[in-house]
Structure formats: structure tokens, C-alpha cells
Amino acid sequence: MRTALQLEIGVVRFCVWRSATLALAAIVWAVLAAWWWAHPAPAPAWVGAVAVTGMLLAAAAALPLRSARPFLLRRDTHQWQLSFMDDARAAPAAGDLHVALDLGGWLLLRFVPDAAGRGATWLAVQRRGLEPQWHALRCAIHAPPPKPPQAGATADG
């Protein structure tokens, strides 16, 4: 009988996520500025409006980088639990964890709580700082959920 992995891991570093998002925002800025610059003078007003709107949206996308919150991720025998380290009073949220992107040394996870009315939470996890637990985390994330016990089955087998 296969049992589910049990794991508890704290994630406090986000430098890869921050760097990638800042790089993407900078690329968007550069492309829009070059596109605007490439139009013949005087550029139509809509070109400027589109470029400025795109630049503002790219800047707004980079703003949440300052507020990346350290979190604790737990896996017991049946489900995942998520709690944020800066909010010790709140009870951990139980739910499902899905892999959105796996780049080997970096994961983008989507935590969907069981509680109705709560939205999904996106979690960026990098290998740096978690090296001793990285393999166990990836095994727990990619492992299939345990099968529920069959009716009439005993724990002995």
C-alpha cells in the first residue's frame, strides 16, 4: 500500500521570481518604446496611447514583487495546507496544489483552497535556499493523490 508523502517546507526567498518579472517588464518597456519611436513623426495619438498604456501595465505588473510573502507549505497524508508566515493568527488553508510551470530549479504553483469563496493563490518556489528539501518537495508535488481506502479494507492489508 502506497502512502502519501508528508512534508513541511518554508519558502522565504523570491529572487528568481522577482528578477524574471522585472526583466519581462523591462523588455515590454523597451519593445513599446522602440515601437513608438519607429513610427514616423508626428506619431498618431493612438500609438502614444497604446505605448503609454502598455508601459503603465508593465510597471503595475512589477509592483506586487515588493509584497511577495513568505509562506509555509505542508502536505499531510490527504491534502496540502498553506499558511503565510507574516500572519501567524490565521489558520492554515487546506486545498489542492497544482503545478502550473516546472522549470527544474523553479516552480510556479497554484494553490486552490477547499473553502468556498476564496480564490486561488499563485506561489513561486525556487530551488535556491531549499536545496536539502527540493527533491522531496518535487516528489510530493508530482506524486498522484493517495487512493481512498476501500470499504471493508483493514490497515493491515
Protein backbone atom coordinates (compact mmCIF):
# COMPACT_ATOMS: atom_id res chain seq x y z
CA MET A 1 0.00 0.00 0.00
CA ARG A 2 1.43 3.33 -1.01
CA THR A 3 1.19 6.23 1.45
CA ALA A 4 1.23 9.91 0.61
CA LEU A 5 4.34 11.91 1.30
CA GLN A 6 4.40 14.12 4.37
CA LEU A 7 6.28 17.37 4.01
CA GLU A 8 6.63 20.80 5.59
CA ILE A 9 8.61 23.49 3.81
CA GLY A 10 9.02 27.23 4.37
CA VAL A 11 9.60 29.48 1.37
CA VAL A 12 11.16 32.86 2.09
CA ARG A 13 13.31 33.64 -0.98
CA PHE A 14 11.88 35.02 -4.22
CA CYS A 15 14.89 36.48 -6.07
CA VAL A 16 14.44 34.36 -9.23
CA TRP A 17 10.75 35.30 -9.48
CA ARG A 18 11.50 38.99 -8.90
CA SER A 19 14.34 39.03 -11.42
CA ALA A 20 12.28 37.29 -14.11
CA THR A 21 9.30 39.60 -13.64
CA LEU A 22 11.48 42.73 -13.66
CA ALA A 23 13.25 41.50 -16.80
CA LEU A 24 9.93 40.85 -18.52
CA ALA A 25 8.63 44.31 -17.55
CA ALA A 26 11.85 45.90 -18.87
CA ILE A 27 11.52 44.01 -22.16
CA VAL A 28 7.91 45.19 -22.54
CA TRP A 29 9.02 48.78 -21.88
CA ALA A 30 11.83 48.54 -24.42
CA VAL A 31 9.64 46.98 -27.14
CA LEU A 32 6.87 49.56 -26.67
CA ALA A 33 9.34 52.46 -26.63
CA ALA A 34 11.00 51.15 -29.81
CA TRP A 35 7.62 50.66 -31.48
CA TRP A 36 6.59 54.20 -30.58
CA TRP A 37 9.92 55.59 -31.73
CA ALA A 38 9.74 53.72 -35.07
CA HIS A 39 6.52 55.45 -36.13
CA PRO A 40 7.03 58.45 -38.39
CA ALA A 41 6.81 61.85 -36.73
CA PRO A 42 4.31 63.03 -35.77
CA ALA A 43 3.02 59.67 -34.48
CA PRO A 44 -0.74 59.27 -34.33
CA ALA A 45 -2.26 59.82 -30.91
CA TRP A 46 -3.42 56.20 -30.66
CA VAL A 47 0.20 54.99 -30.97
CA GLY A 48 1.23 57.05 -27.97
CA ALA A 49 -1.84 55.98 -26.01
CA VAL A 50 -1.17 52.29 -26.66
CA ALA A 51 2.54 52.60 -25.80
CA VAL A 52 1.93 54.53 -22.59
CA THR A 53 -0.87 52.18 -21.52
CA GLY A 54 1.34 49.15 -22.14
CA MET A 55 4.20 50.72 -20.19
CA LEU A 56 1.91 51.50 -17.26
CA LEU A 57 0.54 47.95 -17.27
CA ALA A 58 4.07 46.51 -17.29
CA ALA A 59 5.01 48.74 -14.35
CA ALA A 60 1.84 47.71 -12.50
CA ALA A 61 2.68 44.03 -13.05
CA ALA A 62 6.05 44.55 -11.36
CA LEU A 63 4.58 46.27 -8.28
CA PRO A 64 3.47 43.09 -6.44
CA LEU A 65 7.11 41.97 -6.41
CA ARG A 66 7.71 44.07 -3.32
CA SER A 67 5.00 42.24 -1.42
CA ALA A 68 5.95 38.60 -2.02
CA ARG A 69 5.01 36.95 1.26
CA PRO A 70 6.95 34.11 2.88
CA PHE A 71 4.77 31.03 3.24
CA LEU A 72 4.70 27.59 4.78
CA LEU A 73 3.51 24.69 2.66
CA ARG A 74 2.52 21.41 4.32
CA ARG A 75 1.48 18.09 2.87
CA ASP A 76 -0.14 15.58 5.20
CA THR A 77 -1.50 12.20 4.20
CA HIS A 78 -4.52 13.64 2.39
CA GLN A 79 -4.11 17.29 1.37
CA TRP A 80 -1.98 20.40 1.13
CA GLN A 81 -2.08 23.26 3.63
CA LEU A 82 -0.88 26.81 3.04
CA SER A 83 -0.17 29.44 5.66
CA PHE A 84 1.64 32.75 5.43
CA MET A 85 4.46 33.33 7.93
CA ASP A 86 3.63 37.01 8.38
CA ASP A 87 0.09 36.17 9.55
CA ALA A 88 0.54 33.73 12.45
CA ARG A 89 -3.03 34.22 13.71
CA ALA A 90 -4.66 32.87 10.56
CA ALA A 91 -5.36 29.15 10.37
CA PRO A 92 -3.70 27.26 7.51
CA ALA A 93 -5.88 26.91 4.43
CA ALA A 94 -6.43 23.37 3.18
CA GLY A 95 -6.69 22.70 -0.53
CA ASP A 96 -5.18 21.29 -3.69
CA LEU A 97 -1.82 22.21 -5.18
CA HIS A 98 -1.32 22.21 -8.96
CA VAL A 99 1.90 22.67 -10.93
CA ALA A 100 1.47 25.46 -13.46
CA LEU A 101 5.11 25.63 -14.56
CA ASP A 102 8.08 23.40 -13.72
CA LEU A 103 11.45 24.62 -14.94
CA GLY A 104 13.56 22.22 -12.88
CA GLY A 105 15.01 24.78 -10.48
CA TRP A 106 11.90 26.92 -10.30
CA LEU A 107 8.21 26.13 -9.86
CA LEU A 108 5.06 28.16 -10.31
CA LEU A 109 2.32 26.55 -8.25
CA ARG A 110 -1.39 27.25 -7.96
CA PHE A 111 -2.98 26.59 -4.58
CA VAL A 112 -6.76 26.18 -4.75
CA PRO A 113 -8.33 26.28 -1.27
CA ASP A 114 -11.18 23.97 -0.33
CA ALA A 115 -13.07 26.85 1.31
CA ALA A 116 -15.76 28.34 -0.91
CA GLY A 117 -15.36 31.97 -1.84
CA ARG A 118 -11.56 32.02 -1.60
CA GLY A 119 -9.62 32.46 -4.79
CA ALA A 120 -6.56 30.57 -5.91
CA THR A 121 -3.12 31.67 -4.75
CA TRP A 122 -0.11 31.62 -7.05
CA LEU A 123 3.15 30.53 -5.41
CA ALA A 124 6.64 30.97 -6.85
CA VAL A 125 9.16 28.49 -5.44
CA GLN A 126 12.84 28.42 -6.32
CA ARG A 127 15.45 25.80 -5.60
CA ARG A 128 17.94 28.28 -4.15
CA GLY A 129 17.61 28.18 -0.38
CA LEU A 130 15.66 24.90 -0.42
CA GLU A 131 18.34 22.53 -1.73
CA PRO A 132 18.02 19.91 1.09
CA GLN A 133 14.24 19.71 0.64
CA TRP A 134 13.92 20.35 -3.09
CA HIS A 135 13.73 16.72 -4.20
CA ALA A 136 11.17 15.85 -1.51
CA LEU A 137 9.06 18.88 -2.50
CA ARG A 138 9.06 17.93 -6.18
CA CYS A 139 8.21 14.31 -5.35
CA ALA A 140 5.29 15.41 -3.16
CA ILE A 141 4.01 17.84 -5.78
CA HIS A 142 4.16 15.37 -8.67
CA ALA A 143 3.01 12.30 -6.73
CA PRO A 144 -0.51 11.13 -7.53
CA PRO A 145 -3.02 11.59 -4.72
CA PRO A 146 -3.44 8.57 -2.45
CA LYS A 147 -6.32 6.27 -3.18
CA PRO A 148 -9.07 6.32 -0.58
CA PRO A 149 -9.31 3.09 1.45
CA GLN A 150 -11.74 0.55 0.06
CA ALA A 151 -14.80 -0.37 2.04
CA GLY A 152 -14.09 -3.28 4.36
CA ALA A 153 -10.31 -2.99 3.96
CA THR A 154 -8.14 -3.09 7.08
CA ALA A 155 -4.96 -1.18 7.78
CA ASP A 156 -3.00 -4.46 7.86
CA GLY A 157 -3.66 -5.12 4.21
